[in-house]
PDB file of N, CA and C in Angstrom:
ATOM      1  N   UNK A   1     -65.257 -65.214 -11.005  1.00  0.00           N
ATOM      2  CA  UNK A   1     -65.126 -64.325 -10.218  1.00  0.00           C
ATOM      3  C   UNK A   1     -63.978 -63.253 -10.421  1.00  0.00           C
ATOM      4  N   UNK A   2     -63.964 -62.043 -10.396  1.00  0.00           N
ATOM      5  CA  UNK A   2     -62.844 -61.297 -10.400  1.00  0.00           C
ATOM      6  C   UNK A   2     -62.034 -61.052  -9.352  1.00  0.00           C
ATOM      7  N   UNK A   3     -60.568 -61.432  -9.181  1.00  0.00           N
ATOM      8  CA  UNK A   3     -59.802 -61.517  -8.291  1.00  0.00           C
ATOM      9  C   UNK A   3     -59.457 -59.827  -7.948  1.00  0.00           C
ATOM     10  N   UNK A   4     -60.179 -59.324  -6.538  1.00  0.00           N
ATOM     11  CA  UNK A   4     -59.598 -57.993  -6.477  1.00  0.00           C
ATOM     12  C   UNK A   4     -58.485 -58.093  -5.356  1.00  0.00           C
ATOM     13  N   UNK A   5     -57.566 -57.098  -5.542  1.00  0.00           N
ATOM     14  CA  UNK A   5     -56.339 -56.927  -5.009  1.00  0.00           C
ATOM     15  C   UNK A   5     -56.673 -56.656  -3.318  1.00  0.00           C
ATOM     16  N   UNK A   6     -55.807 -57.352  -2.420  1.00  0.00           N
ATOM     17  CA  UNK A   6     -55.982 -57.215  -1.176  1.00  0.00           C
ATOM     18  C   UNK A   6     -57.200 -58.191  -0.605  1.00  0.00           C
ATOM     19  N   UNK A   7     -57.793 -58.998  -1.291  1.00  0.00           N
ATOM     20  CA  UNK A   7     -58.881 -59.924  -0.924  1.00  0.00           C
ATOM     21  C   UNK A   7     -58.833 -61.407  -1.107  1.00  0.00           C
ATOM     22  N   UNK A   8     -58.856 -61.984  -0.172  1.00  0.00           N
ATOM     23  CA  UNK A   8     -58.758 -63.619  -0.443  1.00  0.00           C
ATOM     24  C   UNK A   8     -60.248 -64.313  -0.498  1.00  0.00           C
ATOM     25  N   UNK A   9     -60.172 -65.321  -1.241  1.00  0.00           N
ATOM     26  CA  UNK A   9     -61.409 -66.025  -1.142  1.00  0.00           C
ATOM     27  C   UNK A   9     -61.793 -66.354   0.095  1.00  0.00           C
ATOM     28  N   UNK A  10     -63.171 -66.331   0.334  1.00  0.00           N
ATOM     29  CA  UNK A  10     -63.909 -66.370   1.798  1.00  0.00           C
ATOM     30  C   UNK A  10     -64.071 -65.117   2.405  1.00  0.00           C
ATOM     31  N   UNK A  11     -63.402 -63.895   2.061  1.00  0.00           N
ATOM     32  CA  UNK A  11     -63.723 -62.860   2.677  1.00  0.00           C
ATOM     33  C   UNK A  11     -64.981 -62.073   2.512  1.00  0.00           C
ATOM     34  N   UNK A  12     -65.585 -61.606   3.309  1.00  0.00           N
ATOM     35  CA  UNK A  12     -66.797 -60.795   3.098  1.00  0.00           C
ATOM     36  C   UNK A  12     -66.411 -59.820   2.386  1.00  0.00           C
ATOM     37  N   UNK A  13     -67.863 -59.348   1.500  1.00  0.00           N
ATOM     38  CA  UNK A  13     -67.623 -58.153   1.022  1.00  0.00           C
ATOM     39  C   UNK A  13     -67.968 -56.609   1.594  1.00  0.00           C
ATOM     40  N   UNK A  14     -67.998 -56.648   3.099  1.00  0.00           N
ATOM     41  CA  UNK A  14     -68.325 -55.644   3.626  1.00  0.00           C
ATOM     42  C   UNK A  14     -67.513 -54.414   3.614  1.00  0.00           C
ATOM     43  N   UNK A  15     -66.145 -54.544   3.010  1.00  0.00           N
ATOM     44  CA  UNK A  15     -65.487 -53.587   2.854  1.00  0.00           C
ATOM     45  C   UNK A  15     -65.712 -52.587   2.038  1.00  0.00           C
ATOM     46  N   UNK A  16     -66.018 -51.137   2.398  1.00  0.00           N
ATOM     47  CA  UNK A  16     -66.304 -50.174   1.324  1.00  0.00           C
ATOM     48  C   UNK A  16     -65.552 -49.969   0.267  1.00  0.00           C
ATOM     49  N   UNK A  17     -64.342 -50.267   0.486  1.00  0.00           N
ATOM     50  CA  UNK A  17     -63.259 -50.021  -0.542  1.00  0.00           C
ATOM     51  C   UNK A  17     -63.402 -50.924  -1.585  1.00  0.00           C
ATOM     52  N   UNK A  18     -63.882 -51.959  -1.228  1.00  0.00           N
ATOM     53  CA  UNK A  18     -64.139 -53.279  -2.453  1.00  0.00           C
ATOM     54  C   UNK A  18     -65.608 -53.453  -2.461  1.00  0.00           C
ATOM     55  N   UNK A  19     -66.580 -52.345  -2.331  1.00  0.00           N
ATOM     56  CA  UNK A  19     -67.997 -52.569  -2.512  1.00  0.00           C
ATOM     57  C   UNK A  19     -68.249 -52.730  -4.076  1.00  0.00           C
ATOM     58  N   UNK A  20     -69.227 -53.389  -4.270  1.00  0.00           N
ATOM     59  CA  UNK A  20     -69.488 -53.620  -5.768  1.00  0.00           C
ATOM     60  C   UNK A  20     -70.434 -52.369  -6.210  1.00  0.00           C
ATOM     61  N   UNK A  21     -70.030 -51.717  -7.374  1.00  0.00           N
ATOM     62  CA  UNK A  21     -70.759 -50.385  -7.884  1.00  0.00           C
ATOM     63  C   UNK A  21     -72.210 -50.573  -8.329  1.00  0.00           C
ATOM     64  N   UNK A  22     -72.239 -51.926  -8.531  1.00  0.00           N
ATOM     65  CA  UNK A  22     -73.474 -52.478  -9.214  1.00  0.00           C
ATOM     66  C   UNK A  22     -74.801 -52.602  -8.072  1.00  0.00           C
ATOM     67  N   UNK A  23     -74.283 -52.575  -7.007  1.00  0.00           N
ATOM     68  CA  UNK A  23     -75.375 -52.663  -5.720  1.00  0.00           C
ATOM     69  C   UNK A  23     -76.376 -51.750  -5.800  1.00  0.00           C
ATOM     70  N   UNK A  24     -77.586 -52.088  -5.014  1.00  0.00           N
ATOM     71  CA  UNK A  24     -78.670 -51.128  -5.298  1.00  0.00           C
ATOM     72  C   UNK A  24     -78.096 -49.586  -4.447  1.00  0.00           C
ATOM     73  N   UNK A  25     -78.651 -48.515  -5.508  1.00  0.00           N
ATOM     74  CA  UNK A  25     -78.424 -47.326  -4.996  1.00  0.00           C
ATOM     75  C   UNK A  25     -76.966 -46.895  -5.226  1.00  0.00           C
ATOM     76  N   UNK A  26     -75.976 -47.558  -5.712  1.00  0.00           N
ATOM     77  CA  UNK A  26     -74.857 -47.178  -6.118  1.00  0.00           C
ATOM     78  C   UNK A  26     -74.583 -46.681  -7.569  1.00  0.00           C
ATOM     79  N   UNK A  27     -74.155 -45.608  -7.648  1.00  0.00           N
ATOM     80  CA  UNK A  27     -73.884 -45.022  -9.211  1.00  0.00           C
ATOM     81  C   UNK A  27     -72.883 -46.166  -9.935  1.00  0.00           C
ATOM     82  N   UNK A  28     -73.275 -46.230 -11.140  1.00  0.00           N
ATOM     83  CA  UNK A  28     -72.162 -46.819 -11.853  1.00  0.00           C
ATOM     84  C   UNK A  28     -70.826 -46.114 -11.975  1.00  0.00           C
ATOM     85  N   UNK A  29     -69.987 -46.782 -12.403  1.00  0.00           N
ATOM     86  CA  UNK A  29     -68.501 -46.452 -12.538  1.00  0.00           C
ATOM     87  C   UNK A  29     -68.707 -45.584 -13.708  1.00  0.00           C
ATOM     88  N   UNK A  30     -67.816 -44.337 -14.108  1.00  0.00           N
ATOM     89  CA  UNK A  30     -67.904 -43.687 -15.487  1.00  0.00           C
ATOM     90  C   UNK A  30     -67.051 -44.547 -16.315  1.00  0.00           C
ATOM     91  N   UNK A  31     -67.633 -44.480 -17.466  1.00  0.00           N
ATOM     92  CA  UNK A  31     -67.291 -45.097 -18.671  1.00  0.00           C
ATOM     93  C   UNK A  31     -66.036 -44.463 -19.186  1.00  0.00           C
ATOM     94  N   UNK A  32     -66.044 -42.926 -19.313  1.00  0.00           N
ATOM     95  CA  UNK A  32     -64.819 -42.634 -19.550  1.00  0.00           C
ATOM     96  C   UNK A  32     -65.041 -41.858 -21.058  1.00  0.00           C
ATOM     97  N   UNK A  33     -66.290 -42.245 -21.669  1.00  0.00           N
ATOM     98  CA  UNK A  33     -66.810 -41.755 -22.969  1.00  0.00           C
ATOM     99  C   UNK A  33     -67.545 -40.451 -22.358  1.00  0.00           C
ATOM    100  N   UNK A  34     -67.671 -39.673 -23.624  1.00  0.00           N
ATOM    101  CA  UNK A  34     -68.540 -38.404 -23.395  1.00  0.00           C
ATOM    102  C   UNK A  34     -69.780 -38.443 -23.850  1.00  0.00           C
ATOM    103  N   UNK A  35     -70.864 -38.509 -23.096  1.00  0.00           N
ATOM    104  CA  UNK A  35     -72.323 -38.678 -23.370  1.00  0.00           C
ATOM    105  C   UNK A  35     -73.040 -37.222 -23.615  1.00  0.00           C
ATOM    106  N   UNK A  36     -74.398 -37.341 -23.698  1.00  0.00           N
ATOM    107  CA  UNK A  36     -75.142 -36.188 -23.739  1.00  0.00           C
ATOM    108  C   UNK A  36     -75.125 -35.722 -22.063  1.00  0.00           C
ATOM    109  N   UNK A  37     -75.276 -34.726 -22.073  1.00  0.00           N
ATOM    110  CA  UNK A  37     -75.490 -33.920 -20.881  1.00  0.00           C
ATOM    111  C   UNK A  37     -76.924 -33.912 -20.241  1.00  0.00           C
ATOM    112  N   UNK A  38     -77.297 -33.515 -19.029  1.00  0.00           N
ATOM    113  CA  UNK A  38     -78.544 -33.724 -18.398  1.00  0.00           C
ATOM    114  C   UNK A  38     -79.436 -32.900 -18.972  1.00  0.00           C
ATOM    115  N   UNK A  39     -80.511 -32.573 -17.915  1.00  0.00           N
ATOM    116  CA  UNK A  39     -81.792 -31.950 -18.248  1.00  0.00           C
ATOM    117  C   UNK A  39     -81.506 -30.550 -18.430  1.00  0.00           C
ATOM    118  N   UNK A  40     -80.174 -29.826 -18.062  1.00  0.00           N
ATOM    119  CA  UNK A  40     -80.184 -28.260 -18.267  1.00  0.00           C
ATOM    120  C   UNK A  40     -80.130 -27.982 -19.873  1.00  0.00           C
ATOM    121  N   UNK A  41     -80.104 -28.759 -20.678  1.00  0.00           N
ATOM    122  CA  UNK A  41     -80.406 -28.580 -22.364  1.00  0.00           C
ATOM    123  C   UNK A  41     -79.206 -28.255 -23.152  1.00  0.00           C
ATOM    124  N   UNK A  42     -78.021 -28.022 -22.396  1.00  0.00           N
ATOM    125  CA  UNK A  42     -76.879 -27.820 -23.095  1.00  0.00           C
ATOM    126  C   UNK A  42     -75.992 -29.263 -23.637  1.00  0.00           C
ATOM    127  N   UNK A  43     -75.665 -28.999 -24.693  1.00  0.00           N
ATOM    128  CA  UNK A  43     -75.049 -30.075 -25.454  1.00  0.00           C
ATOM    129  C   UNK A  43     -75.539 -31.222 -25.740  1.00  0.00           C
ATOM    130  N   UNK A  44     -76.961 -31.388 -25.944  1.00  0.00           N
ATOM    131  CA  UNK A  44     -77.620 -32.547 -26.049  1.00  0.00           C
ATOM    132  C   UNK A  44     -77.309 -33.074 -27.353  1.00  0.00           C
ATOM    133  N   UNK A  45     -76.915 -34.365 -27.691  1.00  0.00           N
ATOM    134  CA  UNK A  45     -76.476 -35.283 -28.878  1.00  0.00           C
ATOM    135  C   UNK A  45     -77.996 -35.983 -29.458  1.00  0.00           C
ATOM    136  N   UNK A  46     -78.141 -35.725 -30.628  1.00  0.00           N
ATOM    137  CA  UNK A  46     -79.107 -36.584 -31.282  1.00  0.00           C
ATOM    138  C   UNK A  46     -78.550 -37.414 -32.259  1.00  0.00           C
ATOM    139  N   UNK A  47     -79.338 -38.268 -32.414  1.00  0.00           N
ATOM    140  CA  UNK A  47     -79.015 -39.540 -33.625  1.00  0.00           C
ATOM    141  C   UNK A  47     -79.689 -39.177 -34.889  1.00  0.00           C
ATOM    142  N   UNK A  48     -78.989 -38.576 -35.700  1.00  0.00           N
ATOM    143  CA  UNK A  48     -79.623 -38.563 -37.006  1.00  0.00           C
ATOM    144  C   UNK A  48     -78.901 -39.088 -38.169  1.00  0.00           C
ATOM    145  N   UNK A  49     -79.427 -40.107 -38.725  1.00  0.00           N
ATOM    146  CA  UNK A  49     -78.787 -40.648 -39.917  1.00  0.00           C
ATOM    147  C   UNK A  49     -77.408 -41.303 -39.419  1.00  0.00           C
ATOM    148  N   UNK A  50     -77.202 -41.870 -38.380  1.00  0.00           N
ATOM    149  CA  UNK A  50     -75.651 -42.145 -38.051  1.00  0.00           C
ATOM    150  C   UNK A  50     -74.716 -41.163 -37.781  1.00  0.00           C
ATOM    151  N   UNK A  51     -75.172 -39.553 -37.590  1.00  0.00           N
ATOM    152  CA  UNK A  51     -74.228 -38.886 -37.325  1.00  0.00           C
ATOM    153  C   UNK A  51     -74.708 -38.066 -36.186  1.00  0.00           C
ATOM    154  N   UNK A  52     -73.907 -37.960 -35.100  1.00  0.00           N
ATOM    155  CA  UNK A  52     -74.070 -37.246 -34.171  1.00  0.00           C
ATOM    156  C   UNK A  52     -74.011 -35.581 -34.112  1.00  0.00           C
ATOM    157  N   UNK A  53     -74.933 -34.898 -33.548  1.00  0.00           N
ATOM    158  CA  UNK A  53     -75.120 -33.386 -34.049  1.00  0.00           C
ATOM    159  C   UNK A  53     -75.346 -32.854 -32.636  1.00  0.00           C
ATOM    160  N   UNK A  54     -74.503 -31.915 -32.533  1.00  0.00           N
ATOM    161  CA  UNK A  54     -74.803 -31.027 -30.990  1.00  0.00           C
ATOM    162  C   UNK A  54     -75.745 -30.262 -31.092  1.00  0.00           C
ATOM    163  N   UNK A  55     -76.976 -30.048 -30.470  1.00  0.00           N
ATOM    164  CA  UNK A  55     -77.910 -29.185 -30.401  1.00  0.00           C
ATOM    165  C   UNK A  55     -77.234 -27.547 -29.787  1.00  0.00           C
ATOM    166  N   UNK A  56     -77.650 -26.829 -30.377  1.00  0.00           N
ATOM    167  CA  UNK A  56     -77.060 -25.369 -30.169  1.00  0.00           C
ATOM    168  C   UNK A  56     -78.055 -24.636 -29.188  1.00  0.00           C
ATOM    169  N   UNK A  57     -77.383 -24.180 -28.070  1.00  0.00           N
ATOM    170  CA  UNK A  57     -78.531 -23.386 -27.248  1.00  0.00           C
ATOM    171  C   UNK A  57     -78.610 -22.007 -27.572  1.00  0.00           C
ATOM    172  N   UNK A  58     -79.603 -21.302 -27.560  1.00  0.00           N
ATOM    173  CA  UNK A  58     -79.773 -19.605 -27.950  1.00  0.00           C
ATOM    174  C   UNK A  58     -78.680 -18.883 -27.315  1.00  0.00           C
ATOM    175  N   UNK A  59     -77.962 -18.271 -27.966  1.00  0.00           N
ATOM    176  CA  UNK A  59     -76.716 -17.477 -27.109  1.00  0.00           C
ATOM    177  C   UNK A  59     -77.175 -16.411 -26.242  1.00  0.00           C
ATOM    178  N   UNK A  60     -78.422 -16.064 -26.436  1.00  0.00           N
ATOM    179  CA  UNK A  60     -79.046 -15.073 -25.300  1.00  0.00           C
ATOM    180  C   UNK A  60     -79.315 -15.681 -24.098  1.00  0.00           C
ATOM    181  N   UNK A  61     -80.063 -16.879 -24.295  1.00  0.00           N
ATOM    182  CA  UNK A  61     -80.361 -17.668 -22.965  1.00  0.00           C
ATOM    183  C   UNK A  61     -79.268 -17.890 -22.383  1.00  0.00           C
ATOM    184  N   UNK A  62     -77.757 -18.313 -23.070  1.00  0.00           N
ATOM    185  CA  UNK A  62     -76.820 -18.761 -22.453  1.00  0.00           C
ATOM    186  C   UNK A  62     -76.320 -17.550 -21.504  1.00  0.00           C
ATOM    187  N   UNK A  63     -76.264 -16.356 -22.110  1.00  0.00           N
ATOM    188  CA  UNK A  63     -75.623 -15.034 -21.504  1.00  0.00           C
ATOM    189  C   UNK A  63     -76.539 -14.738 -20.419  1.00  0.00           C
ATOM    190  N   UNK A  64     -77.999 -14.932 -20.546  1.00  0.00           N
ATOM    191  CA  UNK A  64     -79.082 -14.612 -19.333  1.00  0.00           C
ATOM    192  C   UNK A  64     -78.764 -15.554 -18.388  1.00  0.00           C
ATOM    193  N   UNK A  65     -78.454 -16.804 -18.568  1.00  0.00           N
ATOM    194  CA  UNK A  65     -78.517 -17.733 -17.520  1.00  0.00           C
ATOM    195  C   UNK A  65     -76.942 -17.489 -16.874  1.00  0.00           C
ATOM    196  N   UNK A  66     -76.051 -17.171 -17.568  1.00  0.00           N
ATOM    197  CA  UNK A  66     -74.953 -16.840 -16.872  1.00  0.00           C
ATOM    198  C   UNK A  66     -74.778 -15.596 -15.786  1.00  0.00           C
ATOM    199  N   UNK A  67     -75.445 -14.555 -16.552  1.00  0.00           N
ATOM    200  CA  UNK A  67     -75.794 -13.577 -15.615  1.00  0.00           C
ATOM    201  C   UNK A  67     -76.379 -13.738 -14.336  1.00  0.00           C
ATOM    202  N   UNK A  68     -77.731 -14.304 -14.474  1.00  0.00           N
ATOM    203  CA  UNK A  68     -78.282 -14.871 -13.167  1.00  0.00           C
ATOM    204  C   UNK A  68     -77.540 -15.700 -12.399  1.00  0.00           C
ATOM    205  N   UNK A  69     -76.707 -16.797 -12.741  1.00  0.00           N
ATOM    206  CA  UNK A  69     -75.471 -17.403 -11.924  1.00  0.00           C
ATOM    207  C   UNK A  69     -74.905 -16.626 -11.305  1.00  0.00           C
ATOM    208  N   UNK A  70     -74.438 -15.666 -11.826  1.00  0.00           N
ATOM    209  CA  UNK A  70     -73.303 -14.786 -11.457  1.00  0.00           C
ATOM    210  C   UNK A  70     -73.912 -13.830 -10.328  1.00  0.00           C
ATOM    211  N   UNK A  71     -75.103 -13.371 -10.355  1.00  0.00           N
ATOM    212  CA  UNK A  71     -75.837 -12.911  -9.460  1.00  0.00           C
ATOM    213  C   UNK A  71     -76.116 -13.655  -7.959  1.00  0.00           C
ATOM    214  N   UNK A  72     -76.506 -14.825  -8.542  1.00  0.00           N
ATOM    215  CA  UNK A  72     -76.970 -15.830  -7.180  1.00  0.00           C
ATOM    216  C   UNK A  72     -75.690 -15.845  -6.728  1.00  0.00           C
ATOM    217  N   UNK A  73     -74.723 -15.940  -7.305  1.00  0.00           N
ATOM    218  CA  UNK A  73     -73.393 -16.355  -6.369  1.00  0.00           C
ATOM    219  C   UNK A  73     -72.831 -15.181  -5.739  1.00  0.00           C
ATOM    220  N   UNK A  74     -72.930 -14.015  -6.575  1.00  0.00           N
ATOM    221  CA  UNK A  74     -72.791 -12.610  -5.455  1.00  0.00           C
ATOM    222  C   UNK A  74     -73.419 -12.445  -4.368  1.00  0.00           C
ATOM    223  N   UNK A  75     -74.724 -13.055  -4.210  1.00  0.00           N
ATOM    224  CA  UNK A  75     -75.666 -12.898  -2.998  1.00  0.00           C
ATOM    225  C   UNK A  75     -75.104 -13.645  -1.991  1.00  0.00           C
ATOM    226  N   UNK A  76     -74.563 -14.904  -2.215  1.00  0.00           N
ATOM    227  CA  UNK A  76     -73.413 -15.833  -1.391  1.00  0.00           C
ATOM    228  C   UNK A  76     -72.617 -15.149  -0.499  1.00  0.00           C
ATOM    229  N   UNK A  77     -71.730 -14.212  -1.311  1.00  0.00           N
ATOM    230  CA  UNK A  77     -70.787 -13.542  -0.764  1.00  0.00           C
ATOM    231  C   UNK A  77     -70.559 -12.582   0.656  1.00  0.00           C
ATOM    232  N   UNK A  78     -69.906 -13.039   1.535  1.00  0.00           N
ATOM    233  CA  UNK A  78     -69.816 -12.370   2.643  1.00  0.00           C
ATOM    234  C   UNK A  78     -69.135 -10.892   2.477  1.00  0.00           C
ATOM    235  N   UNK A  79     -69.842 -10.173   2.343  1.00  0.00           N
ATOM    236  CA  UNK A  79     -68.819  -8.587   2.322  1.00  0.00           C
ATOM    237  C   UNK A  79     -68.494  -7.965   3.296  1.00  0.00           C
ATOM    238  N   UNK A  80     -67.119  -7.543   3.297  1.00  0.00           N
ATOM    239  CA  UNK A  80     -66.581  -6.999   4.369  1.00  0.00           C
ATOM    240  C   UNK A  80     -67.102  -5.671   4.734  1.00  0.00           C
ATOM    241  N   UNK A  81     -66.927  -5.510   5.983  1.00  0.00           N
ATOM    242  CA  UNK A  81     -67.493  -4.197   6.540  1.00  0.00           C
ATOM    243  C   UNK A  81     -66.684  -2.873   6.330  1.00  0.00           C
ATOM    244  N   UNK A  82     -67.130  -1.633   6.701  1.00  0.00           N
ATOM    245  CA  UNK A  82     -66.241  -0.326   6.527  1.00  0.00           C
ATOM    246  C   UNK A  82     -64.771  -0.668   7.350  1.00  0.00           C
ATOM    247  N   UNK A  83     -64.997  -1.159   8.406  1.00  0.00           N
ATOM    248  CA  UNK A  83     -63.715  -1.206   9.070  1.00  0.00           C
ATOM    249  C   UNK A  83     -62.463  -2.126   8.647  1.00  0.00           C
ATOM    250  N   UNK A  84     -63.431  -3.235   8.539  1.00  0.00           N
ATOM    251  CA  UNK A  84     -62.401  -4.455   7.663  1.00  0.00           C
ATOM    252  C   UNK A  84     -61.885  -3.765   6.246  1.00  0.00           C
ATOM    253  N   UNK A  85     -62.484  -3.079   5.436  1.00  0.00           N
ATOM    254  CA  UNK A  85     -62.272  -2.547   4.282  1.00  0.00           C
ATOM    255  C   UNK A  85     -61.097  -1.663   4.389  1.00  0.00           C
ATOM    256  N   UNK A  86     -61.176  -0.703   5.359  1.00  0.00           N
ATOM    257  CA  UNK A  86     -60.039   0.053   5.761  1.00  0.00           C
ATOM    258  C   UNK A  86     -58.721  -0.591   6.094  1.00  0.00           C
ATOM    259  N   UNK A  87     -58.746  -1.536   6.821  1.00  0.00           N
ATOM    260  CA  UNK A  87     -57.896  -2.340   7.481  1.00  0.00           C
ATOM    261  C   UNK A  87     -57.196  -2.805   6.138  1.00  0.00           C
ATOM    262  N   UNK A  88     -57.853  -3.682   5.236  1.00  0.00           N
ATOM    263  CA  UNK A  88     -57.275  -4.521   4.256  1.00  0.00           C
ATOM    264  C   UNK A  88     -56.611  -3.773   3.242  1.00  0.00           C
ATOM    265  N   UNK A  89     -57.319  -2.321   3.178  1.00  0.00           N
ATOM    266  CA  UNK A  89     -56.627  -1.337   2.097  1.00  0.00           C
ATOM    267  C   UNK A  89     -55.375  -0.912   2.581  1.00  0.00           C
ATOM    268  N   UNK A  90     -55.435  -0.424   4.199  1.00  0.00           N
ATOM    269  CA  UNK A  90     -54.010  -0.367   4.592  1.00  0.00           C
ATOM    270  C   UNK A  90     -53.022  -1.119   4.551  1.00  0.00           C
ATOM    271  N   UNK A  91     -53.187  -2.324   4.764  1.00  0.00           N
ATOM    272  CA  UNK A  91     -52.451  -3.533   4.611  1.00  0.00           C
ATOM    273  C   UNK A  91     -51.619  -3.622   3.342  1.00  0.00           C
ATOM    274  N   UNK A  92     -52.508  -3.556   2.258  1.00  0.00           N
ATOM    275  CA  UNK A  92     -52.305  -3.501   0.868  1.00  0.00           C
ATOM    276  C   UNK A  92     -51.302  -2.654   0.746  1.00  0.00           C
ATOM    277  N   UNK A  93     -51.516  -1.377   1.075  1.00  0.00           N
ATOM    278  CA  UNK A  93     -50.668  -0.215   0.666  1.00  0.00           C
ATOM    279  C   UNK A  93     -49.239  -0.295   1.426  1.00  0.00           C
ATOM    280  N   UNK A  94     -49.288  -0.952   2.618  1.00  0.00           N
ATOM    281  CA  UNK A  94     -47.979  -1.108   3.262  1.00  0.00           C
ATOM    282  C   UNK A  94     -47.528  -2.092   2.669  1.00  0.00           C
ATOM    283  N   UNK A  95     -47.709  -3.339   2.060  1.00  0.00           N
ATOM    284  CA  UNK A  95     -47.137  -4.303   1.366  1.00  0.00           C
ATOM    285  C   UNK A  95     -46.546  -3.604  -0.056  1.00  0.00           C
ATOM    286  N   UNK A  96     -47.478  -2.930  -0.636  1.00  0.00           N
ATOM    287  CA  UNK A  96     -47.016  -2.514  -1.954  1.00  0.00           C
ATOM    288  C   UNK A  96     -45.966  -1.437  -1.608  1.00  0.00           C
ATOM    289  N   UNK A  97     -45.784  -0.684  -0.435  1.00  0.00           N
ATOM    290  CA  UNK A  97     -44.702   0.285  -0.426  1.00  0.00           C
ATOM    291  C   UNK A  97     -43.488  -0.477   0.118  1.00  0.00           C
ATOM    292  N   UNK A  98     -43.285  -1.653   0.917  1.00  0.00           N
ATOM    293  CA  UNK A  98     -42.455  -2.529   1.161  1.00  0.00           C
ATOM    294  C   UNK A  98     -41.884  -3.211  -0.186  1.00  0.00           C
ATOM    295  N   UNK A  99     -42.758  -3.704  -0.899  1.00  0.00           N
ATOM    296  CA  UNK A  99     -42.194  -4.334  -2.348  1.00  0.00           C
ATOM    297  C   UNK A  99     -41.505  -3.243  -3.401  1.00  0.00           C
ATOM    298  N   UNK A 100     -42.208  -2.229  -3.335  1.00  0.00           N
ATOM    299  CA  UNK A 100     -41.547  -1.246  -4.104  1.00  0.00           C
ATOM    300  C   UNK A 100     -40.268  -0.804  -3.692  1.00  0.00           C
ATOM    301  N   UNK A 101     -40.102  -0.431  -2.730  1.00  0.00           N
ATOM    302  CA  UNK A 101     -38.635  -0.109  -1.906  1.00  0.00           C
ATOM    303  C   UNK A 101     -37.935  -1.340  -2.094  1.00  0.00           C
ATOM    304  N   UNK A 102     -38.105  -2.392  -1.946  1.00  0.00           N
ATOM    305  CA  UNK A 102     -37.304  -3.504  -2.106  1.00  0.00           C
ATOM    306  C   UNK A 102     -36.790  -3.729  -3.507  1.00  0.00           C
ATOM    307  N   UNK A 103     -37.594  -3.443  -4.550  1.00  0.00           N
ATOM    308  CA  UNK A 103     -37.268  -3.796  -5.828  1.00  0.00           C
ATOM    309  C   UNK A 103     -36.633  -2.218  -6.357  1.00  0.00           C
ATOM    310  N   UNK A 104     -36.893  -1.471  -5.807  1.00  0.00           N
ATOM    311  CA  UNK A 104     -36.145  -0.143  -6.305  1.00  0.00           C
ATOM    312  C   UNK A 104     -34.620  -0.241  -5.435  1.00  0.00           C
ATOM    313  N   UNK A 105     -34.498  -0.955  -4.493  1.00  0.00           N
ATOM    314  CA  UNK A 105     -33.289  -0.889  -3.849  1.00  0.00           C
ATOM    315  C   UNK A 105     -32.424  -1.976  -4.710  1.00  0.00           C
ATOM    316  N   UNK A 106     -32.764  -3.229  -5.098  1.00  0.00           N
ATOM    317  CA  UNK A 106     -32.121  -3.960  -5.671  1.00  0.00           C
ATOM    318  C   UNK A 106     -31.829  -3.363  -6.869  1.00  0.00           C
ATOM    319  N   UNK A 107     -32.512  -2.723  -7.693  1.00  0.00           N
ATOM    320  CA  UNK A 107     -32.355  -2.183  -8.748  1.00  0.00           C
ATOM    321  C   UNK A 107     -31.209  -1.035  -9.148  1.00  0.00           C
ATOM    322  N   UNK A 108     -31.288  -0.452  -7.784  1.00  0.00           N
ATOM    323  CA  UNK A 108     -30.248   0.967  -7.656  1.00  0.00           C
ATOM    324  C   UNK A 108     -28.806  -0.020  -7.413  1.00  0.00           C
ATOM    325  N   UNK A 109     -28.890  -0.925  -6.176  1.00  0.00           N
ATOM    326  CA  UNK A 109     -27.701  -1.830  -6.187  1.00  0.00           C
ATOM    327  C   UNK A 109     -27.077  -2.407  -7.485  1.00  0.00           C
ATOM    328  N   UNK A 110     -28.136  -3.228  -8.225  1.00  0.00           N
ATOM    329  CA  UNK A 110     -27.535  -3.667  -9.440  1.00  0.00           C
ATOM    330  C   UNK A 110     -26.965  -2.865 -10.511  1.00  0.00           C
ATOM    331  N   UNK A 111     -27.741  -1.822 -10.784  1.00  0.00           N
ATOM    332  CA  UNK A 111     -27.497  -0.789 -11.635  1.00  0.00           C
ATOM    333  C   UNK A 111     -26.118  -0.276 -11.503  1.00  0.00           C
ATOM    334  N   UNK A 112     -25.788   0.103 -10.239  1.00  0.00           N
ATOM    335  CA  UNK A 112     -24.401   0.570  -9.783  1.00  0.00           C
ATOM    336  C   UNK A 112     -23.199  -0.520  -9.692  1.00  0.00           C
ATOM    337  N   UNK A 113     -23.601  -1.634  -9.622  1.00  0.00           N
ATOM    338  CA  UNK A 113     -22.732  -2.680  -9.658  1.00  0.00           C
ATOM    339  C   UNK A 113     -22.472  -3.014 -11.179  1.00  0.00           C
ATOM    340  N   UNK A 114     -23.187  -2.782 -12.007  1.00  0.00           N
ATOM    341  CA  UNK A 114     -22.974  -3.087 -13.379  1.00  0.00           C
ATOM    342  C   UNK A 114     -22.302  -1.836 -13.939  1.00  0.00           C
ATOM    343  N   UNK A 115     -22.465  -0.619 -13.638  1.00  0.00           N
ATOM    344  CA  UNK A 115     -21.704   0.403 -14.091  1.00  0.00           C
ATOM    345  C   UNK A 115     -20.265   0.666 -13.489  1.00  0.00           C
ATOM    346  N   UNK A 116     -20.014  -0.080 -12.387  1.00  0.00           N
ATOM    347  CA  UNK A 116     -18.590  -0.147 -11.528  1.00  0.00           C
ATOM    348  C   UNK A 116     -17.847  -1.092 -12.460  1.00  0.00           C
ATOM    349  N   UNK A 117     -18.704  -2.395 -13.112  1.00  0.00           N
ATOM    350  CA  UNK A 117     -17.961  -3.347 -13.419  1.00  0.00           C
ATOM    351  C   UNK A 117     -17.628  -2.989 -15.023  1.00  0.00           C
ATOM    352  N   UNK A 118     -18.668  -2.653 -15.645  1.00  0.00           N
ATOM    353  CA  UNK A 118     -18.417  -2.028 -17.177  1.00  0.00           C
ATOM    354  C   UNK A 118     -17.947  -0.596 -17.512  1.00  0.00           C
ATOM    355  N   UNK A 119     -18.348   0.223 -16.313  1.00  0.00           N
ATOM    356  CA  UNK A 119     -18.213   1.642 -16.403  1.00  0.00           C
ATOM    357  C   UNK A 119     -17.348   2.160 -17.461  1.00  0.00           C
TER     358      UNK A 119
END
């Protein structure tokens, strides 16, 4: 029996922290090795004369699947209404004005300081 940290002989194995991953219904621990991927068809590995070769999926199928997934994700987005959009735009413009003013002011101060020092 392998000694697990924090467990003494005679303690029950009911603690989920020390649950055995080989129990029914539990998924096995990852081995750290990269294997072939699932049923989606991408990066399947074949055994052919002792050499592993990755199957390549049609580039057009990949592009169309990507576009379909993008469209399905965009349908899940909660788009802002007109009032929210105007509010967000005003907030962005105010922030930009403050930051541009701050950078312009610091630039003027430092440039006058350098001219005074090395002038």
